[in-house]
């Protein structure tokens, strides 16, 4: 399964988790983002994001499929917390 990395987070989407983009470069990070509020994921079909919902709570109703995107976190960050901070600065700007 291949994933496409976007350079900009989609406006209005929600971050679920930040993780290293690859094994090769230790300072490159990406974020999994979804187009529904994380509390509503339990009602949506998901490709990857369902892993962030407790199995007892995951009951998709079939009416909604959550859109997912992997987004690069720009810059070099030594740890996950620094990458989260950089992401929050980006999505807190107007238009996101």
PDB file of N, CA and C in Angstrom:
ATOM      1  N   UNK A   1       0.850  -1.164   0.000  1.00  0.00           N
ATOM      2  CA  UNK A   1       0.000   0.000   0.000  1.00  0.00           C
ATOM      3  C   UNK A   1       0.900   1.232   0.000  1.00  0.00           C
ATOM      4  N   UNK A   2       0.709   2.125  -0.955  1.00  0.00           N
ATOM      5  CA  UNK A   2       1.497   3.340  -0.996  1.00  0.00           C
ATOM      6  C   UNK A   2       0.648   4.518  -0.542  1.00  0.00           C
ATOM      7  N   UNK A   3       1.314   5.493   0.012  1.00  0.00           N
ATOM      8  CA  UNK A   3       0.642   6.691   0.480  1.00  0.00           C
ATOM      9  C   UNK A   3       1.283   7.893  -0.193  1.00  0.00           C
ATOM     10  N   UNK A   4       0.477   8.864  -0.527  1.00  0.00           N
ATOM     11  CA  UNK A   4       0.973  10.104  -1.083  1.00  0.00           C
ATOM     12  C   UNK A   4       1.097  11.121   0.031  1.00  0.00           C
ATOM     13  N   UNK A   5       2.227  11.807   0.078  1.00  0.00           N
ATOM     14  CA  UNK A   5       2.437  12.850   1.073  1.00  0.00           C
ATOM     15  C   UNK A   5       2.099  14.202   0.461  1.00  0.00           C
ATOM     16  N   UNK A   6       1.257  14.962   1.134  1.00  0.00           N
ATOM     17  CA  UNK A   6       0.938  16.316   0.708  1.00  0.00           C
ATOM     18  C   UNK A   6       1.916  17.281   1.355  1.00  0.00           C
ATOM     19  N   UNK A   7       2.122  18.438   0.728  1.00  0.00           N
ATOM     20  CA  UNK A   7       3.017  19.442   1.286  1.00  0.00           C
ATOM     21  C   UNK A   7       2.311  20.417   2.214  1.00  0.00           C
ATOM     22  N   UNK A   8       0.995  20.557   2.072  1.00  0.00           N
ATOM     23  CA  UNK A   8       0.209  21.470   2.897  1.00  0.00           C
ATOM     24  C   UNK A   8      -0.958  20.726   3.519  1.00  0.00           C
ATOM     25  N   UNK A   9      -1.279  21.006   4.775  1.00  0.00           N
ATOM     26  CA  UNK A   9      -2.459  20.360   5.367  1.00  0.00           C
ATOM     27  C   UNK A   9      -3.734  20.930   4.755  1.00  0.00           C
ATOM     28  N   UNK A  10      -4.705  20.072   4.451  1.00  0.00           N
ATOM     29  CA  UNK A  10      -5.981  20.559   3.933  1.00  0.00           C
ATOM     30  C   UNK A  10      -6.692  21.416   4.979  1.00  0.00           C
ATOM     31  N   UNK A  11      -7.277  22.509   4.546  1.00  0.00           N
ATOM     32  CA  UNK A  11      -7.971  23.425   5.462  1.00  0.00           C
ATOM     33  C   UNK A  11      -9.149  22.718   6.127  1.00  0.00           C
ATOM     34  N   UNK A  12      -9.271  22.876   7.431  1.00  0.00           N
ATOM     35  CA  UNK A  12     -10.387  22.320   8.179  1.00  0.00           C
ATOM     36  C   UNK A  12     -10.242  20.865   8.579  1.00  0.00           C
ATOM     37  N   UNK A  13      -9.133  20.233   8.254  1.00  0.00           N
ATOM     38  CA  UNK A  13      -8.922  18.835   8.614  1.00  0.00           C
ATOM     39  C   UNK A  13      -8.285  18.745   9.998  1.00  0.00           C
ATOM     40  N   UNK A  14      -8.336  17.554  10.590  1.00  0.00           N
ATOM     41  CA  UNK A  14      -7.887  17.336  11.959  1.00  0.00           C
ATOM     42  C   UNK A  14      -6.676  16.396  11.983  1.00  0.00           C
ATOM     43  N   UNK A  15      -5.634  16.755  12.740  1.00  0.00           N
ATOM     44  CA  UNK A  15      -4.485  15.857  12.866  1.00  0.00           C
ATOM     45  C   UNK A  15      -4.778  14.730  13.853  1.00  0.00           C
ATOM     46  N   UNK A  16      -4.347  13.529  13.503  1.00  0.00           N
ATOM     47  CA  UNK A  16      -4.503  12.384  14.407  1.00  0.00           C
ATOM     48  C   UNK A  16      -3.191  12.009  15.075  1.00  0.00           C
ATOM     49  N   UNK A  17      -2.124  11.951  14.286  1.00  0.00           N
ATOM     50  CA  UNK A  17      -0.848  11.507  14.856  1.00  0.00           C
ATOM     51  C   UNK A  17       0.294  12.007  13.986  1.00  0.00           C
ATOM     52  N   UNK A  18       1.398  12.303  14.630  1.00  0.00           N
ATOM     53  CA  UNK A  18       2.635  12.677  13.955  1.00  0.00           C
ATOM     54  C   UNK A  18       3.586  11.499  14.069  1.00  0.00           C
ATOM     55  N   UNK A  19       4.277  11.185  12.969  1.00  0.00           N
ATOM     56  CA  UNK A  19       5.222  10.072  12.981  1.00  0.00           C
ATOM     57  C   UNK A  19       6.368  10.355  12.027  1.00  0.00           C
ATOM     58  N   UNK A  20       7.433   9.623  12.175  1.00  0.00           N
ATOM     59  CA  UNK A  20       8.575   9.803  11.277  1.00  0.00           C
ATOM     60  C   UNK A  20       8.162   9.457   9.859  1.00  0.00           C
ATOM     61  N   UNK A  21       8.649  10.270   8.923  1.00  0.00           N
ATOM     62  CA  UNK A  21       8.268  10.086   7.527  1.00  0.00           C
ATOM     63  C   UNK A  21       8.931   8.858   6.916  1.00  0.00           C
ATOM     64  N   UNK A  22      10.125   8.509   7.370  1.00  0.00           N
ATOM     65  CA  UNK A  22      10.815   7.330   6.853  1.00  0.00           C
ATOM     66  C   UNK A  22      11.917   6.935   7.818  1.00  0.00           C
ATOM     67  N   UNK A  23      12.510   5.792   7.559  1.00  0.00           N
ATOM     68  CA  UNK A  23      13.601   5.332   8.407  1.00  0.00           C
ATOM     69  C   UNK A  23      14.910   6.040   8.080  1.00  0.00           C
ATOM     70  N   UNK A  24      15.028   6.553   6.869  1.00  0.00           N
ATOM     71  CA  UNK A  24      16.289   7.110   6.410  1.00  0.00           C
ATOM     72  C   UNK A  24      16.677   8.434   7.039  1.00  0.00           C
ATOM     73  N   UNK A  25      15.741   9.363   7.175  1.00  0.00           N
ATOM     74  CA  UNK A  25      16.075  10.696   7.666  1.00  0.00           C
ATOM     75  C   UNK A  25      15.372  10.920   8.994  1.00  0.00           C
ATOM     76  N   UNK A  26      16.144  11.083  10.046  1.00  0.00           N
ATOM     77  CA  UNK A  26      15.573  11.093  11.387  1.00  0.00           C
ATOM     78  C   UNK A  26      14.803  12.363  11.743  1.00  0.00           C
ATOM     79  N   UNK A  27      14.949  13.445  10.970  1.00  0.00           N
ATOM     80  CA  UNK A  27      14.291  14.699  11.336  1.00  0.00           C
ATOM     81  C   UNK A  27      13.081  15.002  10.467  1.00  0.00           C
ATOM     82  N   UNK A  28      12.697  14.112   9.572  1.00  0.00           N
ATOM     83  CA  UNK A  28      11.546  14.334   8.699  1.00  0.00           C
ATOM     84  C   UNK A  28      10.315  13.681   9.310  1.00  0.00           C
ATOM     85  N   UNK A  29       9.240  14.450   9.412  1.00  0.00           N
ATOM     86  CA  UNK A  29       8.017  13.990  10.065  1.00  0.00           C
ATOM     87  C   UNK A  29       6.816  14.195   9.148  1.00  0.00           C
ATOM     88  N   UNK A  30       5.785  13.375   9.346  1.00  0.00           N
ATOM     89  CA  UNK A  30       4.523  13.540   8.634  1.00  0.00           C
ATOM     90  C   UNK A  30       3.382  13.370   9.639  1.00  0.00           C
ATOM     91  N   UNK A  31       2.209  13.803   9.229  1.00  0.00           N
ATOM     92  CA  UNK A  31       1.038  13.744  10.100  1.00  0.00           C
ATOM     93  C   UNK A  31      -0.104  13.075   9.340  1.00  0.00           C
ATOM     94  N   UNK A  32      -0.857  12.222  10.015  1.00  0.00           N
ATOM     95  CA  UNK A  32      -2.078  11.645   9.466  1.00  0.00           C
ATOM     96  C   UNK A  32      -3.220  12.591   9.816  1.00  0.00           C
ATOM     97  N   UNK A  33      -3.922  13.075   8.781  1.00  0.00           N
ATOM     98  CA  UNK A  33      -5.034  14.010   8.992  1.00  0.00           C
ATOM     99  C   UNK A  33      -6.312  13.427   8.401  1.00  0.00           C
ATOM    100  N   UNK A  34      -7.442  13.779   9.016  1.00  0.00           N
ATOM    101  CA  UNK A  34      -8.757  13.312   8.553  1.00  0.00           C
ATOM    102  C   UNK A  34      -9.703  14.502   8.422  1.00  0.00           C
ATOM    103  N   UNK A  35     -10.739  14.310   7.610  1.00  0.00           N
ATOM    104  CA  UNK A  35     -11.689  15.405   7.361  1.00  0.00           C
ATOM    105  C   UNK A  35     -12.885  15.402   8.304  1.00  0.00           C
ATOM    106  N   UNK A  36     -12.888  14.531   9.295  1.00  0.00           N
ATOM    107  CA  UNK A  36     -13.956  14.519  10.299  1.00  0.00           C
ATOM    108  C   UNK A  36     -13.317  14.684  11.676  1.00  0.00           C
ATOM    109  N   UNK A  37     -14.079  15.195  12.610  1.00  0.00           N
ATOM    110  CA  UNK A  37     -13.567  15.345  13.973  1.00  0.00           C
ATOM    111  C   UNK A  37     -13.191  13.961  14.502  1.00  0.00           C
ATOM    112  N   UNK A  38     -12.067  13.850  15.210  1.00  0.00           N
ATOM    113  CA  UNK A  38     -11.636  12.542  15.714  1.00  0.00           C
ATOM    114  C   UNK A  38     -12.692  11.801  16.539  1.00  0.00           C
ATOM    115  N   UNK A  39     -13.563  12.532  17.235  1.00  0.00           N
ATOM    116  CA  UNK A  39     -14.619  11.872  18.010  1.00  0.00           C
ATOM    117  C   UNK A  39     -15.651  11.194  17.118  1.00  0.00           C
ATOM    118  N   UNK A  40     -15.737  11.602  15.865  1.00  0.00           N
ATOM    119  CA  UNK A  40     -16.716  11.036  14.940  1.00  0.00           C
ATOM    120  C   UNK A  40     -16.161   9.892  14.103  1.00  0.00           C
ATOM    121  N   UNK A  41     -14.880   9.597  14.228  1.00  0.00           N
ATOM    122  CA  UNK A  41     -14.277   8.512  13.443  1.00  0.00           C
ATOM    123  C   UNK A  41     -14.941   7.166  13.699  1.00  0.00           C
ATOM    124  N   UNK A  42     -15.462   6.985  14.892  1.00  0.00           N
ATOM    125  CA  UNK A  42     -16.079   5.700  15.232  1.00  0.00           C
ATOM    126  C   UNK A  42     -17.306   5.404  14.376  1.00  0.00           C
ATOM    127  N   UNK A  43     -17.852   6.422  13.714  1.00  0.00           N
ATOM    128  CA  UNK A  43     -19.029   6.243  12.866  1.00  0.00           C
ATOM    129  C   UNK A  43     -18.688   6.181  11.379  1.00  0.00           C
ATOM    130  N   UNK A  44     -17.403   6.307  11.022  1.00  0.00           N
ATOM    131  CA  UNK A  44     -16.979   6.398   9.626  1.00  0.00           C
ATOM    132  C   UNK A  44     -16.148   5.195   9.203  1.00  0.00           C
ATOM    133  N   UNK A  45     -16.284   4.826   7.934  1.00  0.00           N
ATOM    134  CA  UNK A  45     -15.343   3.865   7.370  1.00  0.00           C
ATOM    135  C   UNK A  45     -14.028   4.593   7.187  1.00  0.00           C
ATOM    136  N   UNK A  46     -12.926   3.920   7.510  1.00  0.00           N
ATOM    137  CA  UNK A  46     -11.600   4.538   7.430  1.00  0.00           C
ATOM    138  C   UNK A  46     -10.615   3.532   6.852  1.00  0.00           C
ATOM    139  N   UNK A  47      -9.612   4.060   6.169  1.00  0.00           N
ATOM    140  CA  UNK A  47      -8.561   3.210   5.620  1.00  0.00           C
ATOM    141  C   UNK A  47      -7.503   2.909   6.687  1.00  0.00           C
ATOM    142  N   UNK A  48      -7.075   3.932   7.396  1.00  0.00           N
ATOM    143  CA  UNK A  48      -6.051   3.788   8.430  1.00  0.00           C
ATOM    144  C   UNK A  48      -6.511   4.346   9.763  1.00  0.00           C
ATOM    145  N   UNK A  49      -7.291   5.405   9.736  1.00  0.00           N
ATOM    146  CA  UNK A  49      -7.645   6.146  10.943  1.00  0.00           C
ATOM    147  C   UNK A  49      -8.438   5.321  11.959  1.00  0.00           C
ATOM    148  N   UNK A  50      -9.075   4.240  11.534  1.00  0.00           N
ATOM    149  CA  UNK A  50      -9.835   3.411  12.488  1.00  0.00           C
ATOM    150  C   UNK A  50      -8.921   2.853  13.574  1.00  0.00           C
ATOM    151  N   UNK A  51      -7.614   2.806  13.306  1.00  0.00           N
ATOM    152  CA  UNK A  51      -6.669   2.310  14.302  1.00  0.00           C
ATOM    153  C   UNK A  51      -6.577   3.226  15.525  1.00  0.00           C
ATOM    154  N   UNK A  52      -7.119   4.432  15.401  1.00  0.00           N
ATOM    155  CA  UNK A  52      -7.101   5.400  16.502  1.00  0.00           C
ATOM    156  C   UNK A  52      -8.423   5.409  17.270  1.00  0.00           C
ATOM    157  N   UNK A  53      -9.275   4.429  16.996  1.00  0.00           N
ATOM    158  CA  UNK A  53     -10.567   4.299  17.681  1.00  0.00           C
ATOM    159  C   UNK A  53     -10.547   2.983  18.457  1.00  0.00           C
ATOM    160  N   UNK A  54     -11.052   2.999  19.664  1.00  0.00           N
ATOM    161  CA  UNK A  54     -11.118   1.767  20.452  1.00  0.00           C
ATOM    162  C   UNK A  54     -11.990   0.751  19.701  1.00  0.00           C
ATOM    163  N   UNK A  55     -11.554  -0.502  19.622  1.00  0.00           N
ATOM    164  CA  UNK A  55     -12.310  -1.517  18.870  1.00  0.00           C
ATOM    165  C   UNK A  55     -13.770  -1.671  19.316  1.00  0.00           C
ATOM    166  N   UNK A  56     -14.038  -1.496  20.601  1.00  0.00           N
ATOM    167  CA  UNK A  56     -15.418  -1.622  21.073  1.00  0.00           C
ATOM    168  C   UNK A  56     -16.296  -0.466  20.606  1.00  0.00           C
ATOM    169  N   UNK A  57     -15.680   0.672  20.298  1.00  0.00           N
ATOM    170  CA  UNK A  57     -16.432   1.860  19.880  1.00  0.00           C
ATOM    171  C   UNK A  57     -16.575   1.992  18.376  1.00  0.00           C
ATOM    172  N   UNK A  58     -15.744   1.279  17.609  1.00  0.00           N
ATOM    173  CA  UNK A  58     -15.751   1.435  16.150  1.00  0.00           C
ATOM    174  C   UNK A  58     -16.945   0.701  15.543  1.00  0.00           C
ATOM    175  N   UNK A  59     -17.941   1.492  15.154  1.00  0.00           N
ATOM    176  CA  UNK A  59     -19.159   0.949  14.555  1.00  0.00           C
ATOM    177  C   UNK A  59     -19.574   1.848  13.388  1.00  0.00           C
ATOM    178  N   UNK A  60     -18.894   1.710  12.245  1.00  0.00           N
ATOM    179  CA  UNK A  60     -19.244   2.571  11.112  1.00  0.00           C
ATOM    180  C   UNK A  60     -20.666   2.290  10.645  1.00  0.00           C
ATOM    181  N   UNK A  61     -21.395   3.364  10.362  1.00  0.00           N
ATOM    182  CA  UNK A  61     -22.791   3.200   9.965  1.00  0.00           C
ATOM    183  C   UNK A  61     -22.959   3.042   8.460  1.00  0.00           C
ATOM    184  N   UNK A  62     -21.871   3.160   7.696  1.00  0.00           N
ATOM    185  CA  UNK A  62     -21.939   2.967   6.253  1.00  0.00           C
ATOM    186  C   UNK A  62     -22.304   4.210   5.477  1.00  0.00           C
ATOM    187  N   UNK A  63     -22.714   5.255   6.165  1.00  0.00           N
ATOM    188  CA  UNK A  63     -23.140   6.468   5.482  1.00  0.00           C
ATOM    189  C   UNK A  63     -21.969   7.415   5.224  1.00  0.00           C
ATOM    190  N   UNK A  64     -20.858   7.211   5.891  1.00  0.00           N
ATOM    191  CA  UNK A  64     -19.752   8.173   5.786  1.00  0.00           C
ATOM    192  C   UNK A  64     -18.426   7.454   5.704  1.00  0.00           C
ATOM    193  N   UNK A  65     -17.578   7.910   4.801  1.00  0.00           N
ATOM    194  CA  UNK A  65     -16.201   7.438   4.710  1.00  0.00           C
ATOM    195  C   UNK A  65     -15.290   8.612   4.996  1.00  0.00           C
ATOM    196  N   UNK A  66     -14.441   8.478   5.975  1.00  0.00           N
ATOM    197  CA  UNK A  66     -13.517   9.548   6.328  1.00  0.00           C
ATOM    198  C   UNK A  66     -12.422   9.633   5.273  1.00  0.00           C
ATOM    199  N   UNK A  67     -12.138  10.840   4.838  1.00  0.00           N
ATOM    200  CA  UNK A  67     -11.026  11.076   3.922  1.00  0.00           C
ATOM    201  C   UNK A  67      -9.770  11.234   4.763  1.00  0.00           C
ATOM    202  N   UNK A  68      -8.665  10.670   4.305  1.00  0.00           N
ATOM    203  CA  UNK A  68      -7.413  10.712   5.041  1.00  0.00           C
ATOM    204  C   UNK A  68      -6.315  11.281   4.158  1.00  0.00           C
ATOM    205  N   UNK A  69      -5.361  11.943   4.772  1.00  0.00           N
ATOM    206  CA  UNK A  69      -4.208  12.469   4.040  1.00  0.00           C
ATOM    207  C   UNK A  69      -2.976  12.407   4.930  1.00  0.00           C
ATOM    208  N   UNK A  70      -1.859  12.090   4.318  1.00  0.00           N
ATOM    209  CA  UNK A  70      -0.563  12.149   4.990  1.00  0.00           C
ATOM    210  C   UNK A  70       0.087  13.442   4.541  1.00  0.00           C
ATOM    211  N   UNK A  71       0.511  14.249   5.504  1.00  0.00           N
ATOM    212  CA  UNK A  71       1.033  15.581   5.212  1.00  0.00           C
ATOM    213  C   UNK A  71       2.422  15.724   5.825  1.00  0.00           C
ATOM    214  N   UNK A  72       3.363  16.257   5.035  1.00  0.00           N
ATOM    215  CA  UNK A  72       4.708  16.534   5.551  1.00  0.00           C
ATOM    216  C   UNK A  72       4.645  17.666   6.571  1.00  0.00           C
ATOM    217  N   UNK A  73       5.381  17.521   7.632  1.00  0.00           N
ATOM    218  CA  UNK A  73       5.550  18.610   8.585  1.00  0.00           C
ATOM    219  C   UNK A  73       6.839  19.323   8.158  1.00  0.00           C
ATOM    220  N   UNK A  74       6.732  20.578   7.694  1.00  0.00           N
ATOM    221  CA  UNK A  74       7.927  21.250   7.179  1.00  0.00           C
ATOM    222  C   UNK A  74       8.957  21.510   8.272  1.00  0.00           C
ATOM    223  N   UNK A  75      10.208  21.506   7.870  1.00  0.00           N
ATOM    224  CA  UNK A  75      11.297  21.752   8.798  1.00  0.00           C
ATOM    225  C   UNK A  75      11.903  20.473   9.332  1.00  0.00           C
ATOM    226  N   UNK A  76      12.919  20.636  10.128  1.00  0.00           N
ATOM    227  CA  UNK A  76      13.610  19.511  10.764  1.00  0.00           C
ATOM    228  C   UNK A  76      13.299  19.547  12.252  1.00  0.00           C
ATOM    229  N   UNK A  77      12.824  18.432  12.780  1.00  0.00           N
ATOM    230  CA  UNK A  77      12.409  18.381  14.184  1.00  0.00           C
ATOM    231  C   UNK A  77      13.051  17.168  14.844  1.00  0.00           C
ATOM    232  N   UNK A  78      13.627  17.387  16.005  1.00  0.00           N
ATOM    233  CA  UNK A  78      14.367  16.330  16.694  1.00  0.00           C
ATOM    234  C   UNK A  78      13.465  15.282  17.330  1.00  0.00           C
ATOM    235  N   UNK A  79      12.213  15.658  17.654  1.00  0.00           N
ATOM    236  CA  UNK A  79      11.336  14.688  18.305  1.00  0.00           C
ATOM    237  C   UNK A  79       9.878  14.952  17.910  1.00  0.00           C
ATOM    238  N   UNK A  80       9.033  14.054  18.358  1.00  0.00           N
ATOM    239  CA  UNK A  80       7.616  14.109  18.013  1.00  0.00           C
ATOM    240  C   UNK A  80       6.946  15.374  18.546  1.00  0.00           C
ATOM    241  N   UNK A  81       7.300  15.775  19.767  1.00  0.00           N
ATOM    242  CA  UNK A  81       6.699  16.977  20.352  1.00  0.00           C
ATOM    243  C   UNK A  81       7.021  18.224  19.535  1.00  0.00           C
ATOM    244  N   UNK A  82       8.260  18.324  19.071  1.00  0.00           N
ATOM    245  CA  UNK A  82       8.646  19.479  18.249  1.00  0.00           C
ATOM    246  C   UNK A  82       7.891  19.474  16.924  1.00  0.00           C
ATOM    247  N   UNK A  83       7.677  18.303  16.349  1.00  0.00           N
ATOM    248  CA  UNK A  83       6.916  18.203  15.096  1.00  0.00           C
ATOM    249  C   UNK A  83       5.452  18.591  15.329  1.00  0.00           C
ATOM    250  N   UNK A  84       4.860  18.165  16.456  1.00  0.00           N
ATOM    251  CA  UNK A  84       3.483  18.562  16.799  1.00  0.00           C
ATOM    252  C   UNK A  84       3.377  20.074  16.932  1.00  0.00           C
ATOM    253  N   UNK A  85       4.351  20.676  17.629  1.00  0.00           N
ATOM    254  CA  UNK A  85       4.335  22.129  17.810  1.00  0.00           C
ATOM    255  C   UNK A  85       4.384  22.849  16.468  1.00  0.00           C
ATOM    256  N   UNK A  86       5.237  22.391  15.560  1.00  0.00           N
ATOM    257  CA  UNK A  86       5.336  22.998  14.234  1.00  0.00           C
ATOM    258  C   UNK A  86       4.023  22.833  13.466  1.00  0.00           C
ATOM    259  N   UNK A  87       3.411  21.672  13.575  1.00  0.00           N
ATOM    260  CA  UNK A  87       2.132  21.434  12.896  1.00  0.00           C
ATOM    261  C   UNK A  87       1.050  22.369  13.433  1.00  0.00           C
ATOM    262  N   UNK A  88       0.974  22.521  14.738  1.00  0.00           N
ATOM    263  CA  UNK A  88      -0.053  23.389  15.329  1.00  0.00           C
ATOM    264  C   UNK A  88       0.131  24.847  14.928  1.00  0.00           C
ATOM    265  N   UNK A  89       1.371  25.269  14.745  1.00  0.00           N
ATOM    266  CA  UNK A  89       1.602  26.641  14.263  1.00  0.00           C
ATOM    267  C   UNK A  89       1.065  26.799  12.837  1.00  0.00           C
ATOM    268  N   UNK A  90       1.224  25.767  12.027  1.00  0.00           N
ATOM    269  CA  UNK A  90       0.752  25.829  10.641  1.00  0.00           C
ATOM    270  C   UNK A  90      -0.772  25.837  10.586  1.00  0.00           C
ATOM    271  N   UNK A  91      -1.413  24.930  11.314  1.00  0.00           N
ATOM    272  CA  UNK A  91      -2.877  24.829  11.200  1.00  0.00           C
ATOM    273  C   UNK A  91      -3.605  25.896  11.990  1.00  0.00           C
ATOM    274  N   UNK A  92      -2.896  26.637  12.845  1.00  0.00           N
ATOM    275  CA  UNK A  92      -3.551  27.723  13.587  1.00  0.00           C
ATOM    276  C   UNK A  92      -3.591  29.020  12.777  1.00  0.00           C
ATOM    277  N   UNK A  93      -2.916  29.052  11.628  1.00  0.00           N
ATOM    278  CA  UNK A  93      -2.957  30.232  10.771  1.00  0.00           C
ATOM    279  C   UNK A  93      -4.332  30.340  10.119  1.00  0.00           C
ATOM    280  N   UNK A  94      -4.776  31.550   9.840  1.00  0.00           N
ATOM    281  CA  UNK A  94      -6.066  31.713   9.152  1.00  0.00           C
ATOM    282  C   UNK A  94      -6.093  30.951   7.828  1.00  0.00           C
ATOM    283  N   UNK A  95      -7.222  30.335   7.549  1.00  0.00           N
ATOM    284  CA  UNK A  95      -7.374  29.547   6.336  1.00  0.00           C
ATOM    285  C   UNK A  95      -7.160  28.065   6.546  1.00  0.00           C
ATOM    286  N   UNK A  96      -6.820  27.661   7.792  1.00  0.00           N
ATOM    287  CA  UNK A  96      -6.631  26.236   8.096  1.00  0.00           C
ATOM    288  C   UNK A  96      -7.515  25.831   9.234  1.00  0.00           C
TER     289      UNK A  96
END
